[in-house]
Amino acid sequence: MNKYELAVVVSAKIEDDERAAVVEKCKALVERFGGTITEVDEWGKKKLAYEIQKMKEAFYYFIRFEADSKAPAEIESRVRIMDNVIRYLCVRQDEA
């Protein structure tokens, strides 16, 4: 089992309950592909470095999990097509 971090940037134009549903869906995807979530870090609303889809701000979430090496590709392929997710990145965390 490897340690991963999934960063998700969610649109600021949606309501709080919709945003929570997007994060829950991401967490469900991690668990669906055999991952175990260790931590969910919500950074809140932050200014984007550049405008994306006419938005200057978005909500940042970081989901840390442990999973097999095949899980991140499966998770990214599902997150890619999710509505209200404007950017995402899944990276492996090195053992420090």
N, C-alpha and C. Protein backbone atom coordinates (compact mmCIF):
# COMPACT_ATOMS: atom_id res chain seq x y z
N MET A 1 0.84 -1.19 0.00
CA MET A 1 0.00 0.00 0.00
C MET A 1 0.88 1.25 0.00
N ASN A 2 0.61 2.13 -0.94
CA ASN A 2 1.32 3.40 -1.05
C ASN A 2 0.47 4.52 -0.49
N LYS A 3 1.12 5.61 -0.09
CA LYS A 3 0.41 6.79 0.40
C LYS A 3 0.27 7.79 -0.73
N TYR A 4 -0.93 8.33 -0.86
CA TYR A 4 -1.23 9.30 -1.92
C TYR A 4 -1.95 10.51 -1.34
N GLU A 5 -1.93 11.58 -2.14
CA GLU A 5 -2.69 12.78 -1.80
C GLU A 5 -3.43 13.23 -3.04
N LEU A 6 -4.74 13.39 -2.91
CA LEU A 6 -5.58 13.86 -4.00
C LEU A 6 -5.98 15.30 -3.71
N ALA A 7 -5.51 16.22 -4.53
CA ALA A 7 -5.87 17.64 -4.40
C ALA A 7 -7.01 17.92 -5.35
N VAL A 8 -8.08 18.51 -4.83
CA VAL A 8 -9.26 18.80 -5.63
C VAL A 8 -9.61 20.28 -5.48
N VAL A 9 -9.75 20.98 -6.60
CA VAL A 9 -10.14 22.38 -6.60
C VAL A 9 -11.59 22.43 -7.08
N VAL A 10 -12.48 22.88 -6.19
CA VAL A 10 -13.92 22.86 -6.44
C VAL A 10 -14.41 24.28 -6.71
N SER A 11 -15.33 24.40 -7.64
CA SER A 11 -15.90 25.68 -8.03
C SER A 11 -16.48 26.43 -6.83
N ALA A 12 -16.26 27.74 -6.80
CA ALA A 12 -16.81 28.58 -5.73
C ALA A 12 -18.23 29.06 -6.05
N LYS A 13 -18.71 28.75 -7.24
CA LYS A 13 -20.04 29.22 -7.66
C LYS A 13 -21.18 28.32 -7.20
N ILE A 14 -20.88 27.21 -6.53
CA ILE A 14 -21.93 26.28 -6.10
C ILE A 14 -22.21 26.46 -4.61
N GLU A 15 -23.34 25.92 -4.16
CA GLU A 15 -23.76 26.02 -2.77
C GLU A 15 -22.92 25.09 -1.89
N ASP A 16 -22.98 25.32 -0.58
CA ASP A 16 -22.20 24.53 0.38
C ASP A 16 -22.54 23.05 0.33
N ASP A 17 -23.84 22.72 0.23
CA ASP A 17 -24.23 21.32 0.22
C ASP A 17 -23.78 20.61 -1.06
N GLU A 18 -23.78 21.32 -2.18
CA GLU A 18 -23.29 20.73 -3.43
C GLU A 18 -21.79 20.49 -3.35
N ARG A 19 -21.08 21.43 -2.75
CA ARG A 19 -19.63 21.31 -2.61
C ARG A 19 -19.30 20.12 -1.70
N ALA A 20 -20.05 19.97 -0.62
CA ALA A 20 -19.85 18.83 0.29
C ALA A 20 -20.12 17.52 -0.43
N ALA A 21 -21.10 17.51 -1.32
CA ALA A 21 -21.42 16.31 -2.09
C ALA A 21 -20.28 15.94 -3.04
N VAL A 22 -19.62 16.94 -3.62
CA VAL A 22 -18.49 16.69 -4.52
C VAL A 22 -17.35 16.05 -3.73
N VAL A 23 -17.06 16.57 -2.55
CA VAL A 23 -15.99 16.01 -1.72
C VAL A 23 -16.34 14.59 -1.27
N GLU A 24 -17.58 14.37 -0.89
CA GLU A 24 -18.02 13.03 -0.48
C GLU A 24 -17.89 12.04 -1.64
N LYS A 25 -18.20 12.50 -2.85
CA LYS A 25 -18.09 11.65 -4.02
C LYS A 25 -16.63 11.27 -4.28
N CYS A 26 -15.73 12.22 -4.08
CA CYS A 26 -14.29 11.94 -4.23
C CYS A 26 -13.83 10.93 -3.19
N LYS A 27 -14.30 11.09 -1.95
CA LYS A 27 -13.94 10.15 -0.89
C LYS A 27 -14.51 8.75 -1.20
N ALA A 28 -15.72 8.71 -1.73
CA ALA A 28 -16.32 7.43 -2.09
C ALA A 28 -15.54 6.74 -3.20
N LEU A 29 -15.01 7.52 -4.15
CA LEU A 29 -14.19 6.94 -5.23
C LEU A 29 -12.92 6.31 -4.67
N VAL A 30 -12.29 6.97 -3.72
CA VAL A 30 -11.08 6.43 -3.09
C VAL A 30 -11.39 5.09 -2.44
N GLU A 31 -12.48 5.03 -1.69
CA GLU A 31 -12.86 3.80 -1.01
C GLU A 31 -13.31 2.72 -1.99
N ARG A 32 -13.93 3.13 -3.07
CA ARG A 32 -14.42 2.18 -4.08
C ARG A 32 -13.27 1.42 -4.73
N PHE A 33 -12.13 2.08 -4.89
CA PHE A 33 -10.98 1.44 -5.52
C PHE A 33 -9.97 0.91 -4.51
N GLY A 34 -10.45 0.60 -3.31
CA GLY A 34 -9.63 -0.09 -2.32
C GLY A 34 -8.75 0.79 -1.47
N GLY A 35 -8.97 2.08 -1.49
CA GLY A 35 -8.17 2.98 -0.68
C GLY A 35 -8.77 3.20 0.69
N THR A 36 -7.91 3.52 1.65
CA THR A 36 -8.39 3.89 2.98
C THR A 36 -7.96 5.33 3.25
N ILE A 37 -8.94 6.18 3.54
CA ILE A 37 -8.69 7.60 3.74
C ILE A 37 -8.09 7.81 5.13
N THR A 38 -6.98 8.54 5.17
CA THR A 38 -6.33 8.83 6.44
C THR A 38 -6.63 10.24 6.93
N GLU A 39 -6.84 11.18 5.99
CA GLU A 39 -7.08 12.57 6.39
C GLU A 39 -7.73 13.34 5.25
N VAL A 40 -8.64 14.25 5.60
CA VAL A 40 -9.23 15.17 4.64
C VAL A 40 -8.95 16.58 5.16
N ASP A 41 -8.22 17.35 4.37
CA ASP A 41 -7.82 18.70 4.77
C ASP A 41 -8.54 19.71 3.89
N GLU A 42 -9.35 20.56 4.52
CA GLU A 42 -10.08 21.60 3.79
C GLU A 42 -9.37 22.93 3.99
N TRP A 43 -8.87 23.51 2.90
CA TRP A 43 -8.18 24.79 2.98
C TRP A 43 -9.15 25.96 2.86
N GLY A 44 -10.34 25.71 2.37
CA GLY A 44 -11.31 26.78 2.22
C GLY A 44 -11.16 27.51 0.89
N LYS A 45 -11.75 28.69 0.83
CA LYS A 45 -11.76 29.48 -0.41
C LYS A 45 -10.44 30.24 -0.55
N LYS A 46 -9.78 30.03 -1.67
CA LYS A 46 -8.51 30.69 -1.96
C LYS A 46 -8.55 31.32 -3.33
N LYS A 47 -7.72 32.32 -3.51
CA LYS A 47 -7.60 33.00 -4.80
C LYS A 47 -6.78 32.11 -5.73
N LEU A 48 -7.25 31.97 -6.95
CA LEU A 48 -6.53 31.17 -7.95
C LEU A 48 -5.36 31.98 -8.51
N ALA A 49 -4.33 31.29 -8.95
CA ALA A 49 -3.16 31.96 -9.53
C ALA A 49 -3.53 32.63 -10.85
N TYR A 50 -4.46 32.05 -11.57
CA TYR A 50 -4.96 32.63 -12.82
C TYR A 50 -6.42 32.24 -12.97
N GLU A 51 -7.11 32.98 -13.79
CA GLU A 51 -8.54 32.77 -13.97
C GLU A 51 -8.81 31.45 -14.69
N ILE A 52 -9.73 30.67 -14.14
CA ILE A 52 -10.14 29.38 -14.73
C ILE A 52 -11.65 29.42 -14.88
N GLN A 53 -12.14 29.23 -16.09
CA GLN A 53 -13.58 29.23 -16.38
C GLN A 53 -14.25 30.48 -15.79
N LYS A 54 -13.61 31.63 -15.97
CA LYS A 54 -14.10 32.93 -15.50
C LYS A 54 -14.25 33.00 -13.98
N MET A 55 -13.49 32.19 -13.25
CA MET A 55 -13.49 32.21 -11.79
C MET A 55 -12.13 32.66 -11.29
N LYS A 56 -12.15 33.48 -10.26
CA LYS A 56 -10.89 33.95 -9.66
C LYS A 56 -10.63 33.29 -8.31
N GLU A 57 -11.64 32.62 -7.74
CA GLU A 57 -11.51 31.94 -6.46
C GLU A 57 -12.12 30.54 -6.55
N ALA A 58 -11.63 29.64 -5.69
CA ALA A 58 -12.16 28.28 -5.64
C ALA A 58 -11.87 27.69 -4.26
N PHE A 59 -12.49 26.56 -3.96
CA PHE A 59 -12.29 25.86 -2.70
C PHE A 59 -11.30 24.73 -2.91
N TYR A 60 -10.35 24.60 -1.97
CA TYR A 60 -9.29 23.59 -2.07
C TYR A 60 -9.53 22.50 -1.02
N TYR A 61 -9.39 21.25 -1.46
CA TYR A 61 -9.50 20.08 -0.58
C TYR A 61 -8.35 19.14 -0.87
N PHE A 62 -7.79 18.55 0.20
CA PHE A 62 -6.70 17.59 0.06
C PHE A 62 -7.12 16.31 0.78
N ILE A 63 -7.20 15.21 0.03
CA ILE A 63 -7.61 13.93 0.58
C ILE A 63 -6.39 13.02 0.58
N ARG A 64 -5.93 12.65 1.77
CA ARG A 64 -4.78 11.74 1.88
C ARG A 64 -5.30 10.33 2.10
N PHE A 65 -4.71 9.38 1.38
CA PHE A 65 -5.19 8.00 1.48
C PHE A 65 -4.08 7.01 1.16
N GLU A 66 -4.33 5.76 1.52
CA GLU A 66 -3.43 4.67 1.20
C GLU A 66 -4.16 3.73 0.25
N ALA A 67 -3.44 3.30 -0.79
CA ALA A 67 -4.08 2.43 -1.79
C ALA A 67 -3.02 1.70 -2.60
N ASP A 68 -3.47 0.76 -3.42
CA ASP A 68 -2.58 0.07 -4.35
C ASP A 68 -2.16 1.03 -5.46
N SER A 69 -1.16 0.65 -6.22
CA SER A 69 -0.60 1.53 -7.25
C SER A 69 -1.56 1.77 -8.42
N LYS A 70 -2.56 0.91 -8.60
CA LYS A 70 -3.50 1.08 -9.72
C LYS A 70 -4.64 2.05 -9.39
N ALA A 71 -4.88 2.29 -8.12
CA ALA A 71 -6.02 3.11 -7.69
C ALA A 71 -5.96 4.56 -8.17
N PRO A 72 -4.83 5.26 -8.09
CA PRO A 72 -4.83 6.67 -8.51
C PRO A 72 -5.27 6.91 -9.95
N ALA A 73 -4.88 6.06 -10.86
CA ALA A 73 -5.30 6.22 -12.26
C ALA A 73 -6.81 6.07 -12.39
N GLU A 74 -7.38 5.12 -11.68
CA GLU A 74 -8.83 4.91 -11.72
C GLU A 74 -9.56 6.10 -11.10
N ILE A 75 -9.05 6.60 -9.99
CA ILE A 75 -9.68 7.73 -9.31
C ILE A 75 -9.62 8.97 -10.19
N GLU A 76 -8.42 9.26 -10.77
CA GLU A 76 -8.27 10.43 -11.63
C GLU A 76 -9.20 10.37 -12.84
N SER A 77 -9.38 9.19 -13.42
CA SER A 77 -10.25 9.08 -14.59
C SER A 77 -11.70 9.41 -14.25
N ARG A 78 -12.12 9.15 -13.01
CA ARG A 78 -13.49 9.48 -12.58
C ARG A 78 -13.61 10.95 -12.18
N VAL A 79 -12.58 11.48 -11.49
CA VAL A 79 -12.61 12.88 -11.04
C VAL A 79 -12.55 13.82 -12.25
N ARG A 80 -11.86 13.41 -13.29
CA ARG A 80 -11.70 14.23 -14.50
C ARG A 80 -13.05 14.65 -15.08
N ILE A 81 -14.05 13.80 -15.00
CA ILE A 81 -15.34 14.10 -15.63
C ILE A 81 -16.40 14.61 -14.64
N MET A 82 -16.00 14.84 -13.40
CA MET A 82 -16.95 15.33 -12.40
C MET A 82 -17.27 16.80 -12.64
N ASP A 83 -18.55 17.14 -12.50
CA ASP A 83 -18.96 18.54 -12.58
C ASP A 83 -18.44 19.27 -11.34
N ASN A 84 -18.18 20.55 -11.49
CA ASN A 84 -17.76 21.44 -10.42
C ASN A 84 -16.34 21.22 -9.90
N VAL A 85 -15.61 20.24 -10.45
CA VAL A 85 -14.19 20.09 -10.14
C VAL A 85 -13.44 20.77 -11.26
N ILE A 86 -12.75 21.87 -10.93
CA ILE A 86 -12.08 22.61 -12.00
C ILE A 86 -10.62 22.18 -12.19
N ARG A 87 -9.99 21.67 -11.13
CA ARG A 87 -8.64 21.10 -11.23
C ARG A 87 -8.49 19.98 -10.22
N TYR A 88 -7.59 19.04 -10.49
CA TYR A 88 -7.31 17.94 -9.58
C TYR A 88 -5.88 17.46 -9.81
N LEU A 89 -5.33 16.80 -8.82
CA LEU A 89 -4.00 16.20 -8.95
C LEU A 89 -3.85 15.14 -7.89
N CYS A 90 -3.41 13.97 -8.30
CA CYS A 90 -3.16 12.88 -7.37
C CYS A 90 -1.66 12.56 -7.42
N VAL A 91 -1.00 12.66 -6.27
CA VAL A 91 0.44 12.41 -6.22
C VAL A 91 0.76 11.40 -5.12
N ARG A 92 1.85 10.68 -5.32
CA ARG A 92 2.32 9.73 -4.32
C ARG A 92 3.19 10.48 -3.31
N GLN A 93 2.96 10.21 -2.05
CA GLN A 93 3.75 10.84 -1.00
C GLN A 93 4.93 9.94 -0.65
N ASP A 94 6.12 10.50 -0.65
CA ASP A 94 7.32 9.74 -0.30
C ASP A 94 7.41 9.56 1.20
N GLU A 95 8.04 8.48 1.58
CA GLU A 95 8.29 8.23 3.01
C GLU A 95 9.43 9.13 3.45
N ALA A 96 9.19 9.98 4.43
CA ALA A 96 10.23 10.92 4.86
C ALA A 96 11.00 10.39 6.04
